[in-house]
Amino acid sequence: MQPALLVAIVGAESTGKTTLAAALAEALARESGRRVAWVPEVLREWCDHTGRTPLAHEQASMMRAQHERLNAAAETHDIVVCDTTALMTAVYSRIVFGDRSLDERAVALHRRAGVTLLTALDLPWVPDGLQRDGPQVREPVDHALRELMHRHGIAHAIVAGSGQTRLQNALAATRPALFAQEAPASARRGGLFTSLTGLGNGAAARWSCECCVPAFERALQGAASQAGRY
């Protein structure tokens, strides 16, 4: 049997990750006819239960709990849509505590994902529980996340737009991985899907189709390149 395809959704706070995860899981189930699950963010549940945000020494256990949920869902489903992964815990450990000790482990855990979707900053920030720090942290989190993925060669697609547009962009970025999963093993070994899905060493670290990248993202990438961030 093919292992489950993990679709990871990462991004700064209030960029629609949870809404997109639920909608994408429903759309993929309808479109593919496969068993699809979506795994919610452990941090949100933890904050609701404890009435506070995690301390520095609790970050590693949060990361582990999120990963264990993904693995459990993958055992009984064909596709698992993940509302954040270990990468987000590592990034917030950087931003909040100045701690980069979780980076390597987070990257290793995240590599289980076959598709990584990065939610763009084009949605308005809205308050929503203890785990949100404010609109001022969105750009630093976004920059840290991009830098971490670029440095470790994690291919990702930028998902922008609102409502159905955002969902359709996410579907367009995910479909190639579904096709690759269905393809004969010989085609996968030949690298037919490498540039689209990140299944090989030649995977691009950004969306492979420049015409699909919104203008504000192209400007952001250009500014970042000039600044030497990635």
C-alpha atoms as a PDB file:
ATOM      1  CA  MET A   1       0.000   0.000   0.000  1.00  0.00           C
ATOM      2  CA  GLN A   2       1.088   3.551  -0.710  1.00  0.00           C
ATOM      3  CA  PRO A   3       1.898   5.572   2.428  1.00  0.00           C
ATOM      4  CA  ALA A   4      -0.501   8.401   3.164  1.00  0.00           C
ATOM      5  CA  LEU A   5       0.154  11.709   1.431  1.00  0.00           C
ATOM      6  CA  LEU A   6       0.667  14.451   4.015  1.00  0.00           C
ATOM      7  CA  VAL A   7      -0.307  17.961   2.935  1.00  0.00           C
ATOM      8  CA  ALA A   8       1.224  20.431   5.392  1.00  0.00           C
ATOM      9  CA  ILE A   9      -0.234  23.926   5.771  1.00  0.00           C
ATOM     10  CA  VAL A  10       2.133  26.393   7.437  1.00  0.00           C
ATOM     11  CA  GLY A  11       2.105  30.161   7.794  1.00  0.00           C
ATOM     12  CA  ALA A  12       1.890  33.068  10.185  1.00  0.00           C
ATOM     13  CA  GLU A  13      -1.077  33.537  12.494  1.00  0.00           C
ATOM     14  CA  SER A  14      -4.423  34.646  11.065  1.00  0.00           C
ATOM     15  CA  THR A  15      -3.578  33.580   7.522  1.00  0.00           C
ATOM     16  CA  GLY A  16      -6.454  31.121   7.240  1.00  0.00           C
ATOM     17  CA  LYS A  17      -4.629  27.847   7.911  1.00  0.00           C
ATOM     18  CA  THR A  18      -7.447  26.160   9.847  1.00  0.00           C
ATOM     19  CA  THR A  19     -10.171  27.258   7.451  1.00  0.00           C
ATOM     20  CA  LEU A  20      -8.088  26.158   4.483  1.00  0.00           C
ATOM     21  CA  ALA A  21      -7.224  22.793   6.061  1.00  0.00           C
ATOM     22  CA  ALA A  22     -10.874  21.884   6.613  1.00  0.00           C
ATOM     23  CA  ALA A  23     -11.951  23.050   3.149  1.00  0.00           C
ATOM     24  CA  LEU A  24      -9.007  21.386   1.405  1.00  0.00           C
ATOM     25  CA  ALA A  25      -9.623  18.050   3.131  1.00  0.00           C
ATOM     26  CA  GLU A  26     -13.272  18.117   2.075  1.00  0.00           C
ATOM     27  CA  ALA A  27     -12.395  19.059  -1.502  1.00  0.00           C
ATOM     28  CA  LEU A  28      -9.697  16.391  -1.806  1.00  0.00           C
ATOM     29  CA  ALA A  29     -12.043  13.706  -0.499  1.00  0.00           C
ATOM     30  CA  ARG A  30     -14.708  14.718  -2.987  1.00  0.00           C
ATOM     31  CA  GLU A  31     -12.295  15.024  -5.898  1.00  0.00           C
ATOM     32  CA  SER A  32     -10.138  11.947  -5.290  1.00  0.00           C
ATOM     33  CA  GLY A  33     -12.556   9.542  -3.657  1.00  0.00           C
ATOM     34  CA  ARG A  34      -9.884   8.678  -1.101  1.00  0.00           C
ATOM     35  CA  ARG A  35      -9.979   8.586   2.677  1.00  0.00           C
ATOM     36  CA  VAL A  36      -8.982  12.079   3.780  1.00  0.00           C
ATOM     37  CA  ALA A  37      -8.464  13.457   7.283  1.00  0.00           C
ATOM     38  CA  TRP A  38      -7.402  16.825   8.554  1.00  0.00           C
ATOM     39  CA  VAL A  39      -5.467  17.197  11.783  1.00  0.00           C
ATOM     40  CA  PRO A  40      -6.137  20.371  13.790  1.00  0.00           C
ATOM     41  CA  GLU A  41      -3.494  22.408  15.560  1.00  0.00           C
ATOM     42  CA  VAL A  42      -2.555  20.954  18.950  1.00  0.00           C
ATOM     43  CA  LEU A  43      -1.478  24.387  20.221  1.00  0.00           C
ATOM     44  CA  ARG A  44      -5.014  25.789  19.951  1.00  0.00           C
ATOM     45  CA  GLU A  45      -6.476  22.931  21.991  1.00  0.00           C
ATOM     46  CA  TRP A  46      -3.676  23.171  24.545  1.00  0.00           C
ATOM     47  CA  CYS A  47      -4.199  26.912  25.063  1.00  0.00           C
ATOM     48  CA  ASP A  48      -7.965  26.482  25.378  1.00  0.00           C
ATOM     49  CA  HIS A  49      -7.455  23.735  27.963  1.00  0.00           C
ATOM     50  CA  THR A  50      -4.729  25.378  30.080  1.00  0.00           C
ATOM     51  CA  GLY A  51      -5.712  29.026  29.676  1.00  0.00           C
ATOM     52  CA  ARG A  52      -2.172  30.024  28.736  1.00  0.00           C
ATOM     53  CA  THR A  53       0.477  29.646  26.042  1.00  0.00           C
ATOM     54  CA  PRO A  54       3.337  27.109  26.364  1.00  0.00           C
ATOM     55  CA  LEU A  55       6.585  27.977  28.101  1.00  0.00           C
ATOM     56  CA  ALA A  56       9.961  27.452  26.464  1.00  0.00           C
ATOM     57  CA  HIS A  57      10.527  24.032  28.023  1.00  0.00           C
ATOM     58  CA  GLU A  58       7.091  22.863  26.838  1.00  0.00           C
ATOM     59  CA  GLN A  59       7.691  23.565  23.159  1.00  0.00           C
ATOM     60  CA  ALA A  60       9.328  20.220  22.384  1.00  0.00           C
ATOM     61  CA  SER A  61       6.379  18.274  23.797  1.00  0.00           C
ATOM     62  CA  MET A  62       3.972  20.402  21.737  1.00  0.00           C
ATOM     63  CA  MET A  63       5.951  19.586  18.621  1.00  0.00           C
ATOM     64  CA  ARG A  64       5.966  15.885  19.448  1.00  0.00           C
ATOM     65  CA  ALA A  65       2.207  15.837  20.127  1.00  0.00           C
ATOM     66  CA  GLN A  66       1.448  17.436  16.757  1.00  0.00           C
ATOM     67  CA  HIS A  67       3.622  14.899  14.946  1.00  0.00           C
ATOM     68  CA  GLU A  68       2.058  11.951  16.782  1.00  0.00           C
ATOM     69  CA  ARG A  69      -1.388  13.078  15.673  1.00  0.00           C
ATOM     70  CA  LEU A  70      -0.262  13.263  12.066  1.00  0.00           C
ATOM     71  CA  ASN A  71       1.185   9.757  12.254  1.00  0.00           C
ATOM     72  CA  ALA A  72      -1.989   8.373  13.824  1.00  0.00           C
ATOM     73  CA  ALA A  73      -4.158   9.876  11.082  1.00  0.00           C
ATOM     74  CA  ALA A  74      -1.791   8.600   8.385  1.00  0.00           C
ATOM     75  CA  GLU A  75      -2.282   5.016   9.575  1.00  0.00           C
ATOM     76  CA  THR A  76      -5.992   5.032   8.693  1.00  0.00           C
ATOM     77  CA  HIS A  77      -6.242   7.532   5.814  1.00  0.00           C
ATOM     78  CA  ASP A  78      -4.863   7.978   2.302  1.00  0.00           C
ATOM     79  CA  ILE A  79      -4.421  11.751   2.551  1.00  0.00           C
ATOM     80  CA  VAL A  80      -3.829  13.801   5.701  1.00  0.00           C
ATOM     81  CA  VAL A  81      -4.145  17.587   5.659  1.00  0.00           C
ATOM     82  CA  CYS A  82      -2.126  19.068   8.518  1.00  0.00           C
ATOM     83  CA  ASP A  83      -3.079  22.370  10.145  1.00  0.00           C
ATOM     84  CA  THR A  84       0.562  23.283  10.952  1.00  0.00           C
ATOM     85  CA  THR A  85       3.524  20.976  11.578  1.00  0.00           C
ATOM     86  CA  ALA A  86       6.623  20.926  13.748  1.00  0.00           C
ATOM     87  CA  LEU A  87       8.058  23.772  11.646  1.00  0.00           C
ATOM     88  CA  MET A  88       5.664  26.239  13.232  1.00  0.00           C
ATOM     89  CA  THR A  89       6.682  25.226  16.757  1.00  0.00           C
ATOM     90  CA  ALA A  90      10.326  25.744  15.843  1.00  0.00           C
ATOM     91  CA  VAL A  91       9.638  29.148  14.305  1.00  0.00           C
ATOM     92  CA  TYR A  92       7.660  30.378  17.313  1.00  0.00           C
ATOM     93  CA  SER A  93      10.408  29.113  19.614  1.00  0.00           C
ATOM     94  CA  ARG A  94      12.743  31.394  17.663  1.00  0.00           C
ATOM     95  CA  ILE A  95      10.417  34.395  17.722  1.00  0.00           C
ATOM     96  CA  VAL A  96       9.145  34.166  21.303  1.00  0.00           C
ATOM     97  CA  PHE A  97      12.069  32.595  23.177  1.00  0.00           C
ATOM     98  CA  GLY A  98      15.063  33.190  20.901  1.00  0.00           C
ATOM     99  CA  ASP A  99      15.567  29.410  20.860  1.00  0.00           C
ATOM    100  CA  ARG A 100      16.686  27.634  17.681  1.00  0.00           C
ATOM    101  CA  SER A 101      17.339  24.276  19.294  1.00  0.00           C
ATOM    102  CA  LEU A 102      14.194  22.733  17.784  1.00  0.00           C
ATOM    103  CA  ASP A 103      15.035  23.618  14.170  1.00  0.00           C
ATOM    104  CA  GLU A 104      16.798  20.422  13.103  1.00  0.00           C
ATOM    105  CA  ARG A 105      14.262  18.087  14.707  1.00  0.00           C
ATOM    106  CA  ALA A 106      11.357  20.099  13.281  1.00  0.00           C
ATOM    107  CA  VAL A 107      12.799  19.913   9.763  1.00  0.00           C
ATOM    108  CA  ALA A 108      13.320  16.155  10.082  1.00  0.00           C
ATOM    109  CA  LEU A 109       9.705  15.653  11.195  1.00  0.00           C
ATOM    110  CA  HIS A 110       8.344  17.953   8.505  1.00  0.00           C
ATOM    111  CA  ARG A 111      10.072  16.023   5.712  1.00  0.00           C
ATOM    112  CA  ARG A 112       7.340  13.396   6.049  1.00  0.00           C
ATOM    113  CA  ALA A 113       5.065  15.879   4.213  1.00  0.00           C
ATOM    114  CA  GLY A 114       4.679  15.383   0.466  1.00  0.00           C
ATOM    115  CA  VAL A 115       3.214  18.860  -0.094  1.00  0.00           C
ATOM    116  CA  THR A 116       3.901  22.053   1.854  1.00  0.00           C
ATOM    117  CA  LEU A 117       1.551  25.011   1.442  1.00  0.00           C
ATOM    118  CA  LEU A 118       2.613  28.408   2.785  1.00  0.00           C
ATOM    119  CA  THR A 119      -0.340  30.721   3.461  1.00  0.00           C
ATOM    120  CA  ALA A 120       0.313  34.276   2.306  1.00  0.00           C
ATOM    121  CA  LEU A 121      -0.139  37.422   4.418  1.00  0.00           C
ATOM    122  CA  ASP A 122      -2.928  38.804   2.232  1.00  0.00           C
ATOM    123  CA  LEU A 123      -5.772  38.168   4.719  1.00  0.00           C
ATOM    124  CA  PRO A 124      -6.630  40.689   7.459  1.00  0.00           C
ATOM    125  CA  TRP A 125      -5.488  39.830  10.972  1.00  0.00           C
ATOM    126  CA  VAL A 126      -8.287  38.991  13.417  1.00  0.00           C
ATOM    127  CA  PRO A 127      -8.018  38.129  17.138  1.00  0.00           C
ATOM    128  CA  ASP A 128      -8.706  34.488  17.969  1.00  0.00           C
ATOM    129  CA  GLY A 129      -7.664  33.098  21.327  1.00  0.00           C
ATOM    130  CA  LEU A 130      -4.539  33.081  23.433  1.00  0.00           C
ATOM    131  CA  GLN A 131      -2.215  31.742  20.747  1.00  0.00           C
ATOM    132  CA  ARG A 132      -2.396  34.925  18.674  1.00  0.00           C
ATOM    133  CA  ASP A 133       0.139  37.608  19.513  1.00  0.00           C
ATOM    134  CA  GLY A 134      -0.946  40.393  17.158  1.00  0.00           C
ATOM    135  CA  PRO A 135      -0.514  41.594  13.580  1.00  0.00           C
ATOM    136  CA  GLN A 136       3.017  42.831  14.307  1.00  0.00           C
ATOM    137  CA  VAL A 137       4.374  39.261  14.518  1.00  0.00           C
ATOM    138  CA  ARG A 138       3.036  38.025  11.196  1.00  0.00           C
ATOM    139  CA  GLU A 139       5.856  39.365   9.039  1.00  0.00           C
ATOM    140  CA  PRO A 140       8.680  38.178  11.337  1.00  0.00           C
ATOM    141  CA  VAL A 141       7.091  34.713  11.539  1.00  0.00           C
ATOM    142  CA  ASP A 142       6.632  34.608   7.765  1.00  0.00           C
ATOM    143  CA  HIS A 143      10.265  35.611   7.186  1.00  0.00           C
ATOM    144  CA  ALA A 144      11.585  33.072   9.706  1.00  0.00           C
ATOM    145  CA  LEU A 145       9.494  30.303   8.182  1.00  0.00           C
ATOM    146  CA  ARG A 146      10.636  31.090   4.625  1.00  0.00           C
ATOM    147  CA  GLU A 147      14.267  31.250   5.726  1.00  0.00           C
ATOM    148  CA  LEU A 148      14.028  27.896   7.516  1.00  0.00           C
ATOM    149  CA  MET A 149      12.399  26.171   4.531  1.00  0.00           C
ATOM    150  CA  HIS A 150      14.816  27.700   2.055  1.00  0.00           C
ATOM    151  CA  ARG A 151      17.886  26.805   4.116  1.00  0.00           C
ATOM    152  CA  HIS A 152      16.805  23.176   4.364  1.00  0.00           C
ATOM    153  CA  GLY A 153      15.511  22.847   0.813  1.00  0.00           C
ATOM    154  CA  ILE A 154      11.852  22.312   1.715  1.00  0.00           C
ATOM    155  CA  ALA A 155       9.825  22.862  -1.458  1.00  0.00           C
ATOM    156  CA  HIS A 156       6.628  24.829  -0.903  1.00  0.00           C
ATOM    157  CA  ALA A 157       3.826  26.551  -2.777  1.00  0.00           C
ATOM    158  CA  ILE A 158       2.554  29.980  -1.754  1.00  0.00           C
ATOM    159  CA  VAL A 159      -1.231  30.002  -1.386  1.00  0.00           C
ATOM    160  CA  ALA A 160      -2.898  33.393  -1.689  1.00  0.00           C
ATOM    161  CA  GLY A 161      -6.360  34.796  -2.348  1.00  0.00           C
ATOM    162  CA  SER A 162      -9.519  34.628  -0.275  1.00  0.00           C
ATOM    163  CA  GLY A 163     -12.345  32.131  -0.057  1.00  0.00           C
ATOM    164  CA  GLN A 164     -12.669  29.839  -3.066  1.00  0.00           C
ATOM    165  CA  THR A 165      -9.653  31.421  -4.757  1.00  0.00           C
ATOM    166  CA  ARG A 166      -7.404  30.386  -1.875  1.00  0.00           C
ATOM    167  CA  LEU A 167      -8.873  26.890  -1.887  1.00  0.00           C
ATOM    168  CA  GLN A 168      -8.465  26.483  -5.651  1.00  0.00           C
ATOM    169  CA  ASN A 169      -4.843  27.640  -5.440  1.00  0.00           C
ATOM    170  CA  ALA A 170      -4.211  25.056  -2.719  1.00  0.00           C
ATOM    171  CA  LEU A 171      -5.846  22.338  -4.818  1.00  0.00           C
ATOM    172  CA  ALA A 172      -3.760  23.298  -7.848  1.00  0.00           C
ATOM    173  CA  ALA A 173      -0.576  22.980  -5.790  1.00  0.00           C
ATOM    174  CA  THR A 174      -1.635  19.615  -4.323  1.00  0.00           C
ATOM    175  CA  ARG A 175      -2.905  17.810  -7.432  1.00  0.00           C
ATOM    176  CA  PRO A 176       0.552  17.064  -8.913  1.00  0.00           C
ATOM    177  CA  ALA A 177       1.450  15.110  -5.769  1.00  0.00           C
ATOM    178  CA  LEU A 178      -1.758  13.091  -6.121  1.00  0.00           C
ATOM    179  CA  PHE A 179      -0.850  12.279  -9.723  1.00  0.00           C
ATOM    180  CA  ALA A 180       2.684  11.335  -8.664  1.00  0.00           C
ATOM    181  CA  GLN A 181       1.342   9.031  -5.977  1.00  0.00           C
ATOM    182  CA  GLU A 182      -0.822   7.235  -8.560  1.00  0.00           C
ATOM    183  CA  ALA A 183       1.961   6.995 -11.156  1.00  0.00           C
ATOM    184  CA  PRO A 184       3.982   3.791 -11.674  1.00  0.00           C
ATOM    185  CA  ALA A 185       7.110   3.533  -9.557  1.00  0.00           C
ATOM    186  CA  SER A 186       9.278   3.678 -12.694  1.00  0.00           C
ATOM    187  CA  ALA A 187       7.875   7.112 -13.570  1.00  0.00           C
ATOM    188  CA  ARG A 188       8.520   8.389 -10.057  1.00  0.00           C
ATOM    189  CA  ARG A 189      12.108   7.105 -10.104  1.00  0.00           C
ATOM    190  CA  GLY A 190      12.650   8.764 -13.463  1.00  0.00           C
ATOM    191  CA  GLY A 191      12.005  12.155 -11.919  1.00  0.00           C
ATOM    192  CA  LEU A 192       8.861  12.891 -13.935  1.00  0.00           C
ATOM    193  CA  PHE A 193       7.217  14.611 -10.978  1.00  0.00           C
ATOM    194  CA  THR A 194      10.275  15.875  -9.147  1.00  0.00           C
ATOM    195  CA  SER A 195       9.982  19.582  -9.925  1.00  0.00           C
ATOM    196  CA  LEU A 196       6.303  19.692  -8.968  1.00  0.00           C
ATOM    197  CA  THR A 197       6.163  17.595  -5.818  1.00  0.00           C
ATOM    198  CA  GLY A 198       9.553  17.861  -4.154  1.00  0.00           C
ATOM    199  CA  LEU A 199      10.096  14.100  -4.375  1.00  0.00           C
ATOM    200  CA  GLY A 200      13.723  14.459  -5.491  1.00  0.00           C
ATOM    201  CA  ASN A 201      16.852  16.472  -4.888  1.00  0.00           C
ATOM    202  CA  GLY A 202      16.086  18.860  -7.747  1.00  0.00           C
ATOM    203  CA  ALA A 203      12.912  20.224  -6.174  1.00  0.00           C
ATOM    204  CA  ALA A 204      12.477  23.967  -6.326  1.00  0.00           C
ATOM    205  CA  ALA A 205      12.142  25.789  -3.013  1.00  0.00           C
ATOM    206  CA  ARG A 206       9.359  28.002  -4.356  1.00  0.00           C
ATOM    207  CA  TRP A 207       6.267  27.674  -6.487  1.00  0.00           C
ATOM    208  CA  SER A 208       7.430  26.366  -9.840  1.00  0.00           C
ATOM    209  CA  CYS A 209       5.010  28.496 -11.879  1.00  0.00           C
ATOM    210  CA  GLU A 210       5.901  32.189 -11.659  1.00  0.00           C
ATOM    211  CA  CYS A 211       2.641  33.272 -13.280  1.00  0.00           C
ATOM    212  CA  CYS A 212       0.753  31.778 -10.305  1.00  0.00           C
ATOM    213  CA  VAL A 213       2.645  33.836  -7.742  1.00  0.00           C
ATOM    214  CA  PRO A 214       0.729  37.007  -6.810  1.00  0.00           C
ATOM    215  CA  ALA A 215       2.407  40.319  -7.548  1.00  0.00           C
ATOM    216  CA  PHE A 216       2.862  41.179  -3.867  1.00  0.00           C
ATOM    217  CA  GLU A 217       4.670  37.866  -3.325  1.00  0.00           C
ATOM    218  CA  ARG A 218       7.028  38.517  -6.229  1.00  0.00           C
ATOM    219  CA  ALA A 219       7.819  41.917  -4.736  1.00  0.00           C
ATOM    220  CA  LEU A 220       8.389  40.347  -1.314  1.00  0.00           C
ATOM    221  CA  GLN A 221      10.718  37.711  -2.768  1.00  0.00           C
ATOM    222  CA  GLY A 222      12.658  40.379  -4.649  1.00  0.00           C
ATOM    223  CA  ALA A 223      13.098  42.505  -1.562  1.00  0.00           C
ATOM    224  CA  ALA A 224      14.155  39.497   0.484  1.00  0.00           C
ATOM    225  CA  SER A 225      16.717  38.452  -2.122  1.00  0.00           C
ATOM    226  CA  GLN A 226      18.245  41.928  -2.166  1.00  0.00           C
ATOM    227  CA  ALA A 227      18.438  41.854   1.627  1.00  0.00           C
ATOM    228  CA  GLY A 228      20.167  38.477   1.455  1.00  0.00           C
ATOM    229  CA  ARG A 229      17.541  36.640   3.479  1.00  0.00           C
ATOM    230  CA  TYR A 230      16.990  33.856   0.923  1.00  0.00           C
END
